[in-house]
Structures are given as C-alpha cells and as structure tokens.
C-alpha atoms as a PDB file:
ATOM      1  CA  UNK A   1      46.725  69.297 -76.407  1.00  0.00           C
ATOM      2  CA  UNK A   2      47.645  68.053 -72.943  1.00  0.00           C
ATOM      3  CA  UNK A   3      45.316  66.378 -70.465  1.00  0.00           C
ATOM      4  CA  UNK A   4      45.471  69.554 -68.360  1.00  0.00           C
ATOM      5  CA  UNK A   5      44.357  71.711 -71.288  1.00  0.00           C
ATOM      6  CA  UNK A   6      41.541  69.278 -72.078  1.00  0.00           C
ATOM      7  CA  UNK A   7      40.474  69.386 -68.444  1.00  0.00           C
ATOM      8  CA  UNK A   8      40.427  73.173 -68.479  1.00  0.00           C
ATOM      9  CA  UNK A   9      38.489  73.316 -71.763  1.00  0.00           C
ATOM     10  CA  UNK A  10      35.564  71.274 -70.442  1.00  0.00           C
ATOM     11  CA  UNK A  11      35.806  72.073 -66.735  1.00  0.00           C
ATOM     12  CA  UNK A  12      32.694  74.255 -66.547  1.00  0.00           C
ATOM     13  CA  UNK A  13      30.517  71.346 -67.633  1.00  0.00           C
ATOM     14  CA  UNK A  14      32.382  68.451 -66.025  1.00  0.00           C
ATOM     15  CA  UNK A  15      31.941  70.052 -62.593  1.00  0.00           C
ATOM     16  CA  UNK A  16      28.211  69.475 -63.014  1.00  0.00           C
ATOM     17  CA  UNK A  17      27.337  66.341 -61.028  1.00  0.00           C
ATOM     18  CA  UNK A  18      25.114  65.156 -63.897  1.00  0.00           C
ATOM     19  CA  UNK A  19      28.120  65.130 -66.251  1.00  0.00           C
ATOM     20  CA  UNK A  20      31.518  64.704 -64.594  1.00  0.00           C
ATOM     21  CA  UNK A  21      34.464  62.975 -66.248  1.00  0.00           C
ATOM     22  CA  UNK A  22      32.293  59.975 -67.122  1.00  0.00           C
ATOM     23  CA  UNK A  23      29.848  62.153 -69.024  1.00  0.00           C
ATOM     24  CA  UNK A  24      32.635  63.930 -70.848  1.00  0.00           C
ATOM     25  CA  UNK A  25      33.988  60.572 -71.939  1.00  0.00           C
ATOM     26  CA  UNK A  26      30.544  59.700 -73.332  1.00  0.00           C
ATOM     27  CA  UNK A  27      30.589  62.910 -75.357  1.00  0.00           C
ATOM     28  CA  UNK A  28      34.098  62.142 -76.591  1.00  0.00           C
ATOM     29  CA  UNK A  29      33.040  58.704 -77.841  1.00  0.00           C
ATOM     30  CA  UNK A  30      29.775  59.847 -79.458  1.00  0.00           C
ATOM     31  CA  UNK A  31      29.223  59.942 -83.212  1.00  0.00           C
ATOM     32  CA  UNK A  32      26.668  62.518 -84.381  1.00  0.00           C
ATOM     33  CA  UNK A  33      25.503  63.246 -87.917  1.00  0.00           C
ATOM     34  CA  UNK A  34      24.094  66.716 -88.584  1.00  0.00           C
ATOM     35  CA  UNK A  35      22.042  66.800 -91.768  1.00  0.00           C
ATOM     36  CA  UNK A  36      21.934  70.330 -93.122  1.00  0.00           C
ATOM     37  CA  UNK A  37      24.539  73.036 -92.530  1.00  0.00           C
ATOM     38  CA  UNK A  38      22.102  75.934 -92.731  1.00  0.00           C
ATOM     39  CA  UNK A  39      20.179  78.004 -90.212  1.00  0.00           C
ATOM     40  CA  UNK A  40      19.629  75.118 -87.792  1.00  0.00           C
ATOM     41  CA  UNK A  41      22.815  73.234 -88.564  1.00  0.00           C
ATOM     42  CA  UNK A  42      25.147  76.149 -87.765  1.00  0.00           C
ATOM     43  CA  UNK A  43      24.241  76.518 -84.062  1.00  0.00           C
ATOM     44  CA  UNK A  44      23.811  72.759 -83.664  1.00  0.00           C
ATOM     45  CA  UNK A  45      27.349  72.204 -84.910  1.00  0.00           C
ATOM     46  CA  UNK A  46      28.836  74.953 -82.763  1.00  0.00           C
ATOM     47  CA  UNK A  47      27.402  73.692 -79.500  1.00  0.00           C
ATOM     48  CA  UNK A  48      27.907  69.954 -79.912  1.00  0.00           C
ATOM     49  CA  UNK A  49      31.476  70.581 -81.095  1.00  0.00           C
ATOM     50  CA  UNK A  50      32.459  72.909 -78.276  1.00  0.00           C
ATOM     51  CA  UNK A  51      30.881  70.517 -75.759  1.00  0.00           C
ATOM     52  CA  UNK A  52      33.292  67.832 -76.967  1.00  0.00           C
ATOM     53  CA  UNK A  53      31.280  65.447 -79.154  1.00  0.00           C
ATOM     54  CA  UNK A  54      34.162  63.435 -80.517  1.00  0.00           C
ATOM     55  CA  UNK A  55      33.051  62.579 -84.067  1.00  0.00           C
ATOM     56  CA  UNK A  56      30.772  64.840 -86.086  1.00  0.00           C
ATOM     57  CA  UNK A  57      29.575  64.359 -89.633  1.00  0.00           C
ATOM     58  CA  UNK A  58      28.195  67.339 -91.548  1.00  0.00           C
ATOM     59  CA  UNK A  59      26.008  66.560 -94.558  1.00  0.00           C
ATOM     60  CA  UNK A  60      24.896  69.174 -97.080  1.00  0.00           C
ATOM     61  CA  UNK A  61      25.177  69.701-100.824  1.00  0.00           C
ATOM     62  CA  UNK A  62      24.457  73.428-101.015  1.00  0.00           C
ATOM     63  CA  UNK A  63      26.700  76.444-101.536  1.00  0.00           C
ATOM     64  CA  UNK A  64      26.786  79.633 -99.479  1.00  0.00           C
ATOM     65  CA  UNK A  65      24.683  82.484-100.858  1.00  0.00           C
ATOM     66  CA  UNK A  66      24.318  86.019 -99.616  1.00  0.00           C
ATOM     67  CA  UNK A  67      20.735  85.476 -98.409  1.00  0.00           C
ATOM     68  CA  UNK A  68      22.022  82.762 -96.041  1.00  0.00           C
ATOM     69  CA  UNK A  69      24.165  85.137 -94.026  1.00  0.00           C
ATOM     70  CA  UNK A  70      21.510  86.669 -91.777  1.00  0.00           C
ATOM     71  CA  UNK A  71      20.962  83.327 -90.036  1.00  0.00           C
ATOM     72  CA  UNK A  72      23.746  80.895 -91.026  1.00  0.00           C
ATOM     73  CA  UNK A  73      26.316  82.192 -88.609  1.00  0.00           C
ATOM     74  CA  UNK A  74      29.292  80.015 -89.563  1.00  0.00           C
ATOM     75  CA  UNK A  75      29.693  81.875 -92.847  1.00  0.00           C
ATOM     76  CA  UNK A  76      30.777  85.319 -94.092  1.00  0.00           C
ATOM     77  CA  UNK A  77      30.698  87.139 -97.428  1.00  0.00           C
ATOM     78  CA  UNK A  78      34.206  85.849 -98.080  1.00  0.00           C
ATOM     79  CA  UNK A  79      32.834  82.307 -98.452  1.00  0.00           C
ATOM     80  CA  UNK A  80      29.979  83.033-100.879  1.00  0.00           C
ATOM     81  CA  UNK A  81      29.789  80.339-103.603  1.00  0.00           C
ATOM     82  CA  UNK A  82      31.845  77.905-101.518  1.00  0.00           C
ATOM     83  CA  UNK A  83      30.410  74.595-100.284  1.00  0.00           C
ATOM     84  CA  UNK A  84      28.742  74.898 -96.893  1.00  0.00           C
ATOM     85  CA  UNK A  85      30.088  71.598 -95.574  1.00  0.00           C
ATOM     86  CA  UNK A  86      33.688  72.466 -96.401  1.00  0.00           C
ATOM     87  CA  UNK A  87      33.523  75.872 -94.712  1.00  0.00           C
ATOM     88  CA  UNK A  88      31.574  74.453 -91.763  1.00  0.00           C
ATOM     89  CA  UNK A  89      34.141  71.686 -91.316  1.00  0.00           C
ATOM     90  CA  UNK A  90      36.978  74.229 -91.248  1.00  0.00           C
ATOM     91  CA  UNK A  91      35.257  76.538 -88.769  1.00  0.00           C
ATOM     92  CA  UNK A  92      34.128  73.761 -86.419  1.00  0.00           C
ATOM     93  CA  UNK A  93      37.565  72.139 -86.469  1.00  0.00           C
ATOM     94  CA  UNK A  94      39.073  75.463 -85.387  1.00  0.00           C
ATOM     95  CA  UNK A  95      36.492  75.814 -82.613  1.00  0.00           C
ATOM     96  CA  UNK A  96      37.571  72.479 -81.168  1.00  0.00           C
ATOM     97  CA  UNK A  97      40.714  70.823 -82.537  1.00  0.00           C
ATOM     98  CA  UNK A  98      40.246  67.879 -80.149  1.00  0.00           C
ATOM     99  CA  UNK A  99      37.381  66.407 -82.169  1.00  0.00           C
ATOM    100  CA  UNK A 100      37.091  64.880 -85.638  1.00  0.00           C
ATOM    101  CA  UNK A 101      34.809  66.573 -88.145  1.00  0.00           C
ATOM    102  CA  UNK A 102      34.080  65.170 -91.594  1.00  0.00           C
ATOM    103  CA  UNK A 103      32.286  66.826 -94.492  1.00  0.00           C
ATOM    104  CA  UNK A 104      29.796  64.870 -96.601  1.00  0.00           C
ATOM    105  CA  UNK A 105      29.104  66.940 -99.685  1.00  0.00           C
ATOM    106  CA  UNK A 106      26.153  64.922-100.939  1.00  0.00           C
ATOM    107  CA  UNK A 107      22.404  65.136-101.101  1.00  0.00           C
ATOM    108  CA  UNK A 108      20.699  62.554 -98.886  1.00  0.00           C
ATOM    109  CA  UNK A 109      18.862  60.084-101.118  1.00  0.00           C
ATOM    110  CA  UNK A 110      17.157  56.722-100.856  1.00  0.00           C
ATOM    111  CA  UNK A 111      20.308  55.234-102.373  1.00  0.00           C
ATOM    112  CA  UNK A 112      22.811  56.575 -99.814  1.00  0.00           C
ATOM    113  CA  UNK A 113      20.761  57.226 -96.654  1.00  0.00           C
ATOM    114  CA  UNK A 114      21.231  53.863 -94.944  1.00  0.00           C
ATOM    115  CA  UNK A 115      24.936  53.595 -95.714  1.00  0.00           C
ATOM    116  CA  UNK A 116      25.629  57.042 -94.238  1.00  0.00           C
ATOM    117  CA  UNK A 117      23.244  57.083 -91.280  1.00  0.00           C
ATOM    118  CA  UNK A 118      24.234  53.647 -89.983  1.00  0.00           C
ATOM    119  CA  UNK A 119      27.701  54.981 -89.086  1.00  0.00           C
ATOM    120  CA  UNK A 120      26.380  57.345 -86.391  1.00  0.00           C
ATOM    121  CA  UNK A 121      24.799  57.066 -82.943  1.00  0.00           C
ATOM    122  CA  UNK A 122      22.487  60.069 -83.150  1.00  0.00           C
ATOM    123  CA  UNK A 123      21.087  61.847 -86.188  1.00  0.00           C
ATOM    124  CA  UNK A 124      20.212  65.541 -85.984  1.00  0.00           C
ATOM    125  CA  UNK A 125      17.942  66.730 -88.772  1.00  0.00           C
ATOM    126  CA  UNK A 126      18.445  70.375 -89.652  1.00  0.00           C
ATOM    127  CA  UNK A 127      17.053  70.022 -93.170  1.00  0.00           C
ATOM    128  CA  UNK A 128      14.516  72.429 -94.629  1.00  0.00           C
ATOM    129  CA  UNK A 129      12.145  70.202 -96.616  1.00  0.00           C
ATOM    130  CA  UNK A 130       9.677  67.408 -95.920  1.00  0.00           C
ATOM    131  CA  UNK A 131      11.141  64.992 -98.462  1.00  0.00           C
ATOM    132  CA  UNK A 132      14.424  64.889 -96.562  1.00  0.00           C
ATOM    133  CA  UNK A 133      12.751  64.879 -93.142  1.00  0.00           C
ATOM    134  CA  UNK A 134      10.673  61.821 -93.962  1.00  0.00           C
ATOM    135  CA  UNK A 135      13.615  60.037 -95.573  1.00  0.00           C
ATOM    136  CA  UNK A 136      15.743  60.712 -92.481  1.00  0.00           C
ATOM    137  CA  UNK A 137      12.934  59.569 -90.175  1.00  0.00           C
ATOM    138  CA  UNK A 138      12.208  56.363 -92.075  1.00  0.00           C
ATOM    139  CA  UNK A 139      15.892  55.462 -92.315  1.00  0.00           C
ATOM    140  CA  UNK A 140      16.367  56.061 -88.581  1.00  0.00           C
ATOM    141  CA  UNK A 141      13.393  53.823 -87.826  1.00  0.00           C
ATOM    142  CA  UNK A 142      14.759  51.064 -90.071  1.00  0.00           C
ATOM    143  CA  UNK A 143      18.224  51.305 -88.478  1.00  0.00           C
ATOM    144  CA  UNK A 144      16.956  51.972 -84.931  1.00  0.00           C
ATOM    145  CA  UNK A 145      18.758  55.309 -84.697  1.00  0.00           C
ATOM    146  CA  UNK A 146      17.737  58.169 -82.430  1.00  0.00           C
ATOM    147  CA  UNK A 147      16.632  61.294 -84.294  1.00  0.00           C
ATOM    148  CA  UNK A 148      16.591  64.879 -83.051  1.00  0.00           C
ATOM    149  CA  UNK A 149      14.069  66.844 -85.098  1.00  0.00           C
ATOM    150  CA  UNK A 150      13.568  70.566 -85.494  1.00  0.00           C
ATOM    151  CA  UNK A 151      11.930  72.970 -87.913  1.00  0.00           C
ATOM    152  CA  UNK A 152      11.485  76.724 -88.178  1.00  0.00           C
ATOM    153  CA  UNK A 153       9.332  79.257 -90.051  1.00  0.00           C
ATOM    154  CA  UNK A 154       8.708  82.967 -89.580  1.00  0.00           C
ATOM    155  CA  UNK A 155       8.810  83.431 -85.768  1.00  0.00           C
ATOM    156  CA  UNK A 156       7.991  79.804 -84.946  1.00  0.00           C
ATOM    157  CA  UNK A 157       9.833  76.575 -84.314  1.00  0.00           C
ATOM    158  CA  UNK A 158       9.274  72.917 -83.423  1.00  0.00           C
ATOM    159  CA  UNK A 159      11.406  70.423 -81.510  1.00  0.00           C
ATOM    160  CA  UNK A 160      11.120  66.680 -80.863  1.00  0.00           C
ATOM    161  CA  UNK A 161      13.179  63.546 -80.232  1.00  0.00           C
ATOM    162  CA  UNK A 162      12.062  60.563 -82.291  1.00  0.00           C
ATOM    163  CA  UNK A 163      12.757  56.848 -82.189  1.00  0.00           C
ATOM    164  CA  UNK A 164      14.730  56.836 -78.941  1.00  0.00           C
ATOM    165  CA  UNK A 165      14.548  53.674 -76.817  1.00  0.00           C
ATOM    166  CA  UNK A 166      11.312  52.618 -78.457  1.00  0.00           C
ATOM    167  CA  UNK A 167       9.673  56.042 -78.568  1.00  0.00           C
ATOM    168  CA  UNK A 168       7.477  57.149 -81.463  1.00  0.00           C
ATOM    169  CA  UNK A 169       8.629  58.717 -84.716  1.00  0.00           C
ATOM    170  CA  UNK A 170       7.586  61.397 -87.185  1.00  0.00           C
ATOM    171  CA  UNK A 171       5.011  59.184 -88.906  1.00  0.00           C
ATOM    172  CA  UNK A 172       3.264  58.561 -85.586  1.00  0.00           C
ATOM    173  CA  UNK A 173       2.731  62.306 -85.464  1.00  0.00           C
ATOM    174  CA  UNK A 174       2.182  63.024 -89.162  1.00  0.00           C
ATOM    175  CA  UNK A 175       1.590  59.695 -90.971  1.00  0.00           C
ATOM    176  CA  UNK A 176       1.818  61.073 -94.501  1.00  0.00           C
ATOM    177  CA  UNK A 177       4.204  63.608 -95.958  1.00  0.00           C
ATOM    178  CA  UNK A 178       2.328  66.771 -96.952  1.00  0.00           C
ATOM    179  CA  UNK A 179       2.438  68.109-100.475  1.00  0.00           C
ATOM    180  CA  UNK A 180       5.442  70.488-100.487  1.00  0.00           C
ATOM    181  CA  UNK A 181       3.476  72.888-102.700  1.00  0.00           C
ATOM    182  CA  UNK A 182       0.868  73.309 -99.961  1.00  0.00           C
ATOM    183  CA  UNK A 183       3.272  73.873 -97.054  1.00  0.00           C
ATOM    184  CA  UNK A 184       4.795  77.287 -96.198  1.00  0.00           C
ATOM    185  CA  UNK A 185       8.580  77.505 -96.357  1.00  0.00           C
ATOM    186  CA  UNK A 186      11.275  80.013 -95.436  1.00  0.00           C
ATOM    187  CA  UNK A 187      12.085  80.791 -99.062  1.00  0.00           C
ATOM    188  CA  UNK A 188       8.603  82.207 -99.627  1.00  0.00           C
ATOM    189  CA  UNK A 189       7.459  83.089 -96.101  1.00  0.00           C
ATOM    190  CA  UNK A 190      10.661  84.140 -94.391  1.00  0.00           C
ATOM    191  CA  UNK A 191      12.228  83.648 -90.962  1.00  0.00           C
ATOM    192  CA  UNK A 192      13.807  85.996 -88.439  1.00  0.00           C
ATOM    193  CA  UNK A 193      17.513  85.179 -88.224  1.00  0.00           C
ATOM    194  CA  UNK A 194      17.527  84.517 -84.482  1.00  0.00           C
ATOM    195  CA  UNK A 195      14.760  81.873 -84.703  1.00  0.00           C
ATOM    196  CA  UNK A 196      16.941  79.053 -86.136  1.00  0.00           C
ATOM    197  CA  UNK A 197      19.595  80.074 -83.620  1.00  0.00           C
ATOM    198  CA  UNK A 198      17.179  79.455 -80.746  1.00  0.00           C
ATOM    199  CA  UNK A 199      15.785  76.169 -82.086  1.00  0.00           C
ATOM    200  CA  UNK A 200      19.187  74.934 -83.259  1.00  0.00           C
ATOM    201  CA  UNK A 201      20.642  75.535 -79.806  1.00  0.00           C
ATOM    202  CA  UNK A 202      17.765  73.581 -78.281  1.00  0.00           C
ATOM    203  CA  UNK A 203      18.384  70.734 -80.725  1.00  0.00           C
ATOM    204  CA  UNK A 204      22.040  70.705 -79.707  1.00  0.00           C
ATOM    205  CA  UNK A 205      20.967  70.691 -76.061  1.00  0.00           C
ATOM    206  CA  UNK A 206      18.738  67.633 -76.573  1.00  0.00           C
ATOM    207  CA  UNK A 207      21.546  65.912 -78.477  1.00  0.00           C
ATOM    208  CA  UNK A 208      23.984  66.431 -75.614  1.00  0.00           C
ATOM    209  CA  UNK A 209      21.412  65.197 -73.080  1.00  0.00           C
ATOM    210  CA  UNK A 210      20.820  62.078 -75.152  1.00  0.00           C
ATOM    211  CA  UNK A 211      24.536  61.295 -75.177  1.00  0.00           C
ATOM    212  CA  UNK A 212      24.798  61.992 -71.443  1.00  0.00           C
ATOM    213  CA  UNK A 213      21.723  59.831 -70.768  1.00  0.00           C
ATOM    214  CA  UNK A 214      19.860  62.702 -69.128  1.00  0.00           C
ATOM    215  CA  UNK A 215      16.064  63.155 -69.374  1.00  0.00           C
ATOM    216  CA  UNK A 216      14.959  64.188 -72.870  1.00  0.00           C
ATOM    217  CA  UNK A 217      11.739  64.699 -74.783  1.00  0.00           C
ATOM    218  CA  UNK A 218       9.755  61.485 -75.324  1.00  0.00           C
ATOM    219  CA  UNK A 219       6.635  61.316 -77.489  1.00  0.00           C
ATOM    220  CA  UNK A 220       6.384  65.090 -77.174  1.00  0.00           C
ATOM    221  CA  UNK A 221       6.397  67.848 -79.786  1.00  0.00           C
ATOM    222  CA  UNK A 222       7.301  71.278 -78.452  1.00  0.00           C
ATOM    223  CA  UNK A 223       5.931  74.271 -80.359  1.00  0.00           C
ATOM    224  CA  UNK A 224       7.593  77.641 -79.861  1.00  0.00           C
ATOM    225  CA  UNK A 225       6.134  80.976 -80.932  1.00  0.00           C
ATOM    226  CA  UNK A 226       8.969  83.421 -80.444  1.00  0.00           C
ATOM    227  CA  UNK A 227       6.919  86.481 -81.364  1.00  0.00           C
ATOM    228  CA  UNK A 228       4.807  86.339 -78.199  1.00  0.00           C
ATOM    229  CA  UNK A 229       6.822  83.645 -76.307  1.00  0.00           C
ATOM    230  CA  UNK A 230       4.055  81.084 -76.347  1.00  0.00           C
ATOM    231  CA  UNK A 231       5.282  77.529 -75.683  1.00  0.00           C
ATOM    232  CA  UNK A 232       3.108  74.448 -76.170  1.00  0.00           C
ATOM    233  CA  UNK A 233       4.048  70.817 -75.554  1.00  0.00           C
ATOM    234  CA  UNK A 234       1.937  68.222 -77.349  1.00  0.00           C
ATOM    235  CA  UNK A 235       1.948  64.568 -76.306  1.00  0.00           C
ATOM    236  CA  UNK A 236       1.492  62.033 -79.105  1.00  0.00           C
END
C-alpha cells in the first residue's frame, strides 16, 4: 500500500490536533497483547487494528461455539469448532493489511505468562475469569507493563487502567482473588450481546489513548450499568 493510501486510511484521525502524523507513528510502533478473543476481545481487536496499532498479539485457547455468536462479532456459523485466535487473526488482518497480527493459541499460565507478556507494551485483558485476571495483573506488575482491564456481566461492565506510570493495580482494589464458585459469571447469569461491545470499545479507546499519551484513567474504576445508564467512577 502506498504512502498516499496509508494517509487516506488514517486521515480522519490524523487531522485531530491531539494525534497528527506523530501520533499515528506511535500507533504504528506500538505492540499490544489482547488476552481473550471473546466478547470483549472482538471489539477491542477491531478498533485497535483499524486505528493502526502496528503489532497485535491475540491470545486464546478456546474454539468457536454457537452460543458465542450473539456477542463475539468476529465469528459466524461457518467457523464453529475452529480456533478463535486463528479466525480472529484472519479477520483482523483483512481489516487492516498494514499491521502485523499474530495468534497465540495457548492458555495463559504461570509458566508462560512472563515470557509472552514481556514482548508487548500494553496488555489488554479481555478474559472472563478471575484466575486469569489476577495472573495477568501480577505479571504486569512484575514486568512493569500497563494493563487495560475490563469485565462484563448481565447489563453491567467495569473499566480501569492499572499499573501505568506508577499507578495502582488490581490488588490495590481487590487484594485477594474471590472464590470463583461464589462469583456470578456470564455462563450462569448471562449477558446482553451489546454489553461487551460497549465495554470492549471503551477498552480499545483507553488503549489508543495510552499509546498516544493522552489523558487516561488513573486509580479509577468506572462502573457502567447499561440497563438504566448509571455511571459511577470510584477512586482507589
């Protein structure tokens, strides 16, 4: 693709004085790891890719199932039983052929977390369980990596940026991981399909602002109730 075509692709954001050509170059050089290619990961991947984040890693070990399709918008019935990361890599690469997208078809574990996470500038956690969330958080703290955090359930969502330029992390907010058996989850309690789309887009937005060095959340947890549009920001 020529320089002119690249200019035209990103023109609507580079004309913003807060971004410009310098900001677009920052996006091009950024390395972002998205953990989870599900309800949150799908919109996160779409928006950071189309904005021009130059190197994106997608990590997931799950396959596409029919119950995913109401919210995981990268996939169709034609891809049922295929690996999410492989399909997501193909779709995202077609959305923006200027960037590099790699698929990591592994479960994040204590054994591989540091080796994988250390290769990226920003980690975006779209996982759906507390074991992974705390492992991601603790690894980011150990490696001094910025973490964009989000979670969803029913009609509700949460958003935060952890461990950025000395800011606090998940354990400053919730010191101990809760017992998974005592915490509601989407498998048992459900979620409206648009909810992860809204929160995932916001997570992508914070990721882009971090790369562009624009103001982002700091020591704040934003709670969204999308049934009655009640927004609460908690300082911690």
